[in-house]
């Protein structure tokens, strides 16, 4: 019976370490946070269907296409 508080304390310390590791895995990185901040409802639905890597890749392609489309306009204005 005298060992129970010690075992309980060791268990609590071990669970705290597990919790900290899980928290680091669950926290979204900057790229994920940026995607979620700019995502529309359709993009979030796409995320649930395709998974995060495919959804982020599709967002990047779309962003690159829109940036390429804007560049000629900027050059024409500067001329």
C-alpha atoms as a PDB file:
ATOM      1  CA  UNK A   1       0.000   0.000   0.000  1.00  0.00           C
ATOM      2  CA  UNK A   2       2.854   2.420   0.676  1.00  0.00           C
ATOM      3  CA  UNK A   3       4.046   1.924  -2.920  1.00  0.00           C
ATOM      4  CA  UNK A   4       0.787   3.102  -4.468  1.00  0.00           C
ATOM      5  CA  UNK A   5       1.503   6.890  -4.233  1.00  0.00           C
ATOM      6  CA  UNK A   6       4.942   6.408  -5.781  1.00  0.00           C
ATOM      7  CA  UNK A   7       3.574   4.302  -8.642  1.00  0.00           C
ATOM      8  CA  UNK A   8       0.773   6.800  -9.185  1.00  0.00           C
ATOM      9  CA  UNK A   9       3.256   9.686  -9.332  1.00  0.00           C
ATOM     10  CA  UNK A  10       5.490   7.831 -11.807  1.00  0.00           C
ATOM     11  CA  UNK A  11       2.466   7.035 -13.949  1.00  0.00           C
ATOM     12  CA  UNK A  12       1.406  10.702 -13.928  1.00  0.00           C
ATOM     13  CA  UNK A  13       4.903  11.838 -14.945  1.00  0.00           C
ATOM     14  CA  UNK A  14       5.010   9.263 -17.735  1.00  0.00           C
ATOM     15  CA  UNK A  15       1.611  10.345 -19.026  1.00  0.00           C
ATOM     16  CA  UNK A  16       2.745  13.974 -19.019  1.00  0.00           C
ATOM     17  CA  UNK A  17       5.644  13.081 -21.296  1.00  0.00           C
ATOM     18  CA  UNK A  18       3.319  11.180 -23.621  1.00  0.00           C
ATOM     19  CA  UNK A  19       0.925  14.141 -23.659  1.00  0.00           C
ATOM     20  CA  UNK A  20       3.726  16.566 -24.584  1.00  0.00           C
ATOM     21  CA  UNK A  21       4.844  14.360 -27.478  1.00  0.00           C
ATOM     22  CA  UNK A  22       1.281  14.034 -28.739  1.00  0.00           C
ATOM     23  CA  UNK A  23       0.734  17.793 -28.477  1.00  0.00           C
ATOM     24  CA  UNK A  24       3.768  18.400 -30.698  1.00  0.00           C
ATOM     25  CA  UNK A  25       2.390  15.965 -33.281  1.00  0.00           C
ATOM     26  CA  UNK A  26      -1.072  17.504 -33.222  1.00  0.00           C
ATOM     27  CA  UNK A  27      -0.045  21.158 -33.504  1.00  0.00           C
ATOM     28  CA  UNK A  28      -0.337  22.219 -37.128  1.00  0.00           C
ATOM     29  CA  UNK A  29       2.817  23.448 -38.780  1.00  0.00           C
ATOM     30  CA  UNK A  30       2.914  26.783 -40.613  1.00  0.00           C
ATOM     31  CA  UNK A  31       1.981  25.325 -43.984  1.00  0.00           C
ATOM     32  CA  UNK A  32      -1.071  23.544 -42.610  1.00  0.00           C
ATOM     33  CA  UNK A  33      -2.146  26.637 -40.697  1.00  0.00           C
ATOM     34  CA  UNK A  34      -1.786  28.784 -43.831  1.00  0.00           C
ATOM     35  CA  UNK A  35      -3.902  26.299 -45.796  1.00  0.00           C
ATOM     36  CA  UNK A  36      -6.625  26.267 -43.167  1.00  0.00           C
ATOM     37  CA  UNK A  37      -6.650  30.064 -42.909  1.00  0.00           C
ATOM     38  CA  UNK A  38      -7.183  30.508 -46.667  1.00  0.00           C
ATOM     39  CA  UNK A  39      -9.247  27.413 -47.455  1.00  0.00           C
ATOM     40  CA  UNK A  40     -12.820  27.642 -48.654  1.00  0.00           C
ATOM     41  CA  UNK A  41     -15.502  25.097 -47.766  1.00  0.00           C
ATOM     42  CA  UNK A  42     -14.854  23.249 -51.024  1.00  0.00           C
ATOM     43  CA  UNK A  43     -11.128  23.067 -50.241  1.00  0.00           C
ATOM     44  CA  UNK A  44     -11.814  21.731 -46.757  1.00  0.00           C
ATOM     45  CA  UNK A  45     -14.066  19.059 -48.276  1.00  0.00           C
ATOM     46  CA  UNK A  46     -11.251  18.246 -50.698  1.00  0.00           C
ATOM     47  CA  UNK A  47      -8.887  17.966 -47.748  1.00  0.00           C
ATOM     48  CA  UNK A  48     -11.119  15.392 -46.086  1.00  0.00           C
ATOM     49  CA  UNK A  49     -11.395  13.376 -49.311  1.00  0.00           C
ATOM     50  CA  UNK A  50      -7.825  13.527 -50.632  1.00  0.00           C
ATOM     51  CA  UNK A  51      -5.757  14.060 -47.527  1.00  0.00           C
ATOM     52  CA  UNK A  52      -3.530  16.964 -46.594  1.00  0.00           C
ATOM     53  CA  UNK A  53      -0.557  16.459 -48.960  1.00  0.00           C
ATOM     54  CA  UNK A  54      -2.757  16.284 -52.070  1.00  0.00           C
ATOM     55  CA  UNK A  55      -4.878  19.246 -50.980  1.00  0.00           C
ATOM     56  CA  UNK A  56      -1.847  21.428 -50.238  1.00  0.00           C
ATOM     57  CA  UNK A  57      -0.235  20.484 -53.573  1.00  0.00           C
ATOM     58  CA  UNK A  58      -3.423  21.416 -55.399  1.00  0.00           C
ATOM     59  CA  UNK A  59      -3.580  24.751 -53.545  1.00  0.00           C
ATOM     60  CA  UNK A  60       0.044  25.499 -54.516  1.00  0.00           C
ATOM     61  CA  UNK A  61      -0.622  24.735 -58.191  1.00  0.00           C
ATOM     62  CA  UNK A  62      -3.667  26.993 -58.187  1.00  0.00           C
ATOM     63  CA  UNK A  63      -1.753  29.784 -56.426  1.00  0.00           C
ATOM     64  CA  UNK A  64       1.147  29.499 -58.913  1.00  0.00           C
ATOM     65  CA  UNK A  65      -1.274  29.685 -61.848  1.00  0.00           C
ATOM     66  CA  UNK A  66      -2.915  32.799 -60.423  1.00  0.00           C
ATOM     67  CA  UNK A  67       0.483  34.433 -59.792  1.00  0.00           C
ATOM     68  CA  UNK A  68       1.591  33.651 -63.360  1.00  0.00           C
ATOM     69  CA  UNK A  69      -1.623  35.150 -64.714  1.00  0.00           C
ATOM     70  CA  UNK A  70      -1.058  38.342 -62.727  1.00  0.00           C
ATOM     71  CA  UNK A  71       2.557  38.878 -63.861  1.00  0.00           C
ATOM     72  CA  UNK A  72       1.832  39.941 -67.460  1.00  0.00           C
ATOM     73  CA  UNK A  73      -0.669  42.492 -66.197  1.00  0.00           C
ATOM     74  CA  UNK A  74       1.923  43.998 -63.900  1.00  0.00           C
ATOM     75  CA  UNK A  75       4.499  44.183 -66.719  1.00  0.00           C
ATOM     76  CA  UNK A  76       1.986  45.826 -69.056  1.00  0.00           C
ATOM     77  CA  UNK A  77       1.183  48.465 -66.456  1.00  0.00           C
ATOM     78  CA  UNK A  78       4.863  49.262 -65.909  1.00  0.00           C
ATOM     79  CA  UNK A  79       5.450  49.868 -69.651  1.00  0.00           C
END
